[in-house]
């Protein structure tokens, strides 16, 4: 009986390890392409200030609530506000 009880946690641990490794390496070509596109977007966003400013204007500019706007800007990192005029409430 004790040997069976020890088997259950070991089996659960092996199952969770297999699940975690499956998440890091997408086997679906579409998922892998999505990961590559996201990595390229992040690279361009961090290396091209005008692209970053344009995306910030497009995504954060329409937000009129000051707190939500600040959160949107912060999501781009760097803490600098976008070089655009924002509608005030």
Protein backbone atom coordinates (compact mmCIF):
# COMPACT_ATOMS: atom_id res chain seq x y z
CA UNK A 1 0.00 0.00 0.00
CA UNK A 2 2.83 2.43 0.87
CA UNK A 3 4.50 1.80 -2.49
CA UNK A 4 1.28 2.76 -4.27
CA UNK A 5 1.04 5.99 -2.31
CA UNK A 6 4.58 6.92 -3.33
CA UNK A 7 3.81 6.21 -6.97
CA UNK A 8 0.99 8.76 -7.21
CA UNK A 9 3.08 11.88 -6.37
CA UNK A 10 5.87 10.67 -8.68
CA UNK A 11 3.42 10.19 -11.55
CA UNK A 12 1.91 13.64 -10.96
CA UNK A 13 5.33 15.23 -10.94
CA UNK A 14 6.33 13.55 -14.23
CA UNK A 15 3.07 14.62 -15.83
CA UNK A 16 3.53 18.25 -14.79
CA UNK A 17 7.15 18.30 -16.04
CA UNK A 18 6.00 16.98 -19.40
CA UNK A 19 3.28 19.62 -19.59
CA UNK A 20 5.72 22.44 -18.75
CA UNK A 21 8.22 21.35 -21.40
CA UNK A 22 5.44 21.10 -23.98
CA UNK A 23 4.59 24.76 -23.35
CA UNK A 24 8.12 25.98 -24.05
CA UNK A 25 8.44 24.28 -27.44
CA UNK A 26 5.28 24.73 -29.51
CA UNK A 27 4.91 21.84 -31.90
CA UNK A 28 2.25 23.63 -33.94
CA UNK A 29 3.89 25.58 -36.80
CA UNK A 30 1.33 28.37 -36.42
CA UNK A 31 2.14 28.75 -32.73
CA UNK A 32 5.87 28.77 -33.44
CA UNK A 33 5.36 31.44 -36.11
CA UNK A 34 3.36 33.50 -33.62
CA UNK A 35 6.20 33.28 -31.09
CA UNK A 36 8.73 34.40 -33.75
CA UNK A 37 6.49 37.33 -34.79
CA UNK A 38 6.08 38.41 -31.17
CA UNK A 39 9.84 38.29 -30.64
CA UNK A 40 10.44 40.39 -33.77
CA UNK A 41 7.79 42.91 -32.67
CA UNK A 42 9.39 43.24 -29.23
CA UNK A 43 12.83 43.66 -30.80
CA UNK A 44 11.65 46.42 -33.16
CA UNK A 45 9.66 48.06 -30.36
CA UNK A 46 12.76 48.27 -28.17
CA UNK A 47 15.24 49.25 -30.90
CA UNK A 48 13.23 51.74 -33.00
CA UNK A 49 12.08 54.82 -31.04
CA UNK A 50 9.82 56.13 -33.82
CA UNK A 51 8.06 52.77 -34.18
CA UNK A 52 7.61 52.66 -30.39
CA UNK A 53 6.20 56.21 -30.35
CA UNK A 54 3.81 55.40 -33.20
CA UNK A 55 2.52 52.27 -31.45
CA UNK A 56 2.11 54.19 -28.19
CA UNK A 57 0.11 56.90 -30.00
CA UNK A 58 -2.09 54.31 -31.70
CA UNK A 59 -2.71 52.18 -28.61
CA UNK A 60 -2.65 54.72 -25.78
CA UNK A 61 -3.70 57.94 -27.51
CA UNK A 62 -7.47 57.24 -27.57
CA UNK A 63 -7.55 56.43 -23.84
CA UNK A 64 -8.99 59.43 -22.01
CA UNK A 65 -8.83 58.14 -18.43
CA UNK A 66 -5.55 59.41 -16.96
CA UNK A 67 -4.85 56.29 -14.88
CA UNK A 68 -5.57 53.89 -17.74
CA UNK A 69 -3.51 56.02 -20.12
CA UNK A 70 -0.56 55.97 -17.72
CA UNK A 71 -0.91 52.19 -17.41
CA UNK A 72 -0.92 51.83 -21.19
CA UNK A 73 2.19 53.97 -21.55
CA UNK A 74 3.91 52.02 -18.78
CA UNK A 75 3.17 48.77 -20.60
CA UNK A 76 5.59 49.91 -23.31
CA UNK A 77 8.41 50.23 -20.77
CA UNK A 78 10.77 53.12 -20.54
CA UNK A 79 8.26 55.31 -18.70
CA UNK A 80 8.39 58.08 -21.29
CA UNK A 81 5.07 59.45 -22.53
CA UNK A 82 4.40 59.18 -26.25
CA UNK A 83 5.31 62.27 -28.27
CA UNK A 84 1.73 63.11 -29.18
CA UNK A 85 -1.14 65.25 -28.07
CA UNK A 86 -3.66 63.37 -25.97
CA UNK A 87 -7.27 64.34 -25.54
CA UNK A 88 -7.97 65.62 -22.07
CA UNK A 89 -11.16 64.83 -20.12
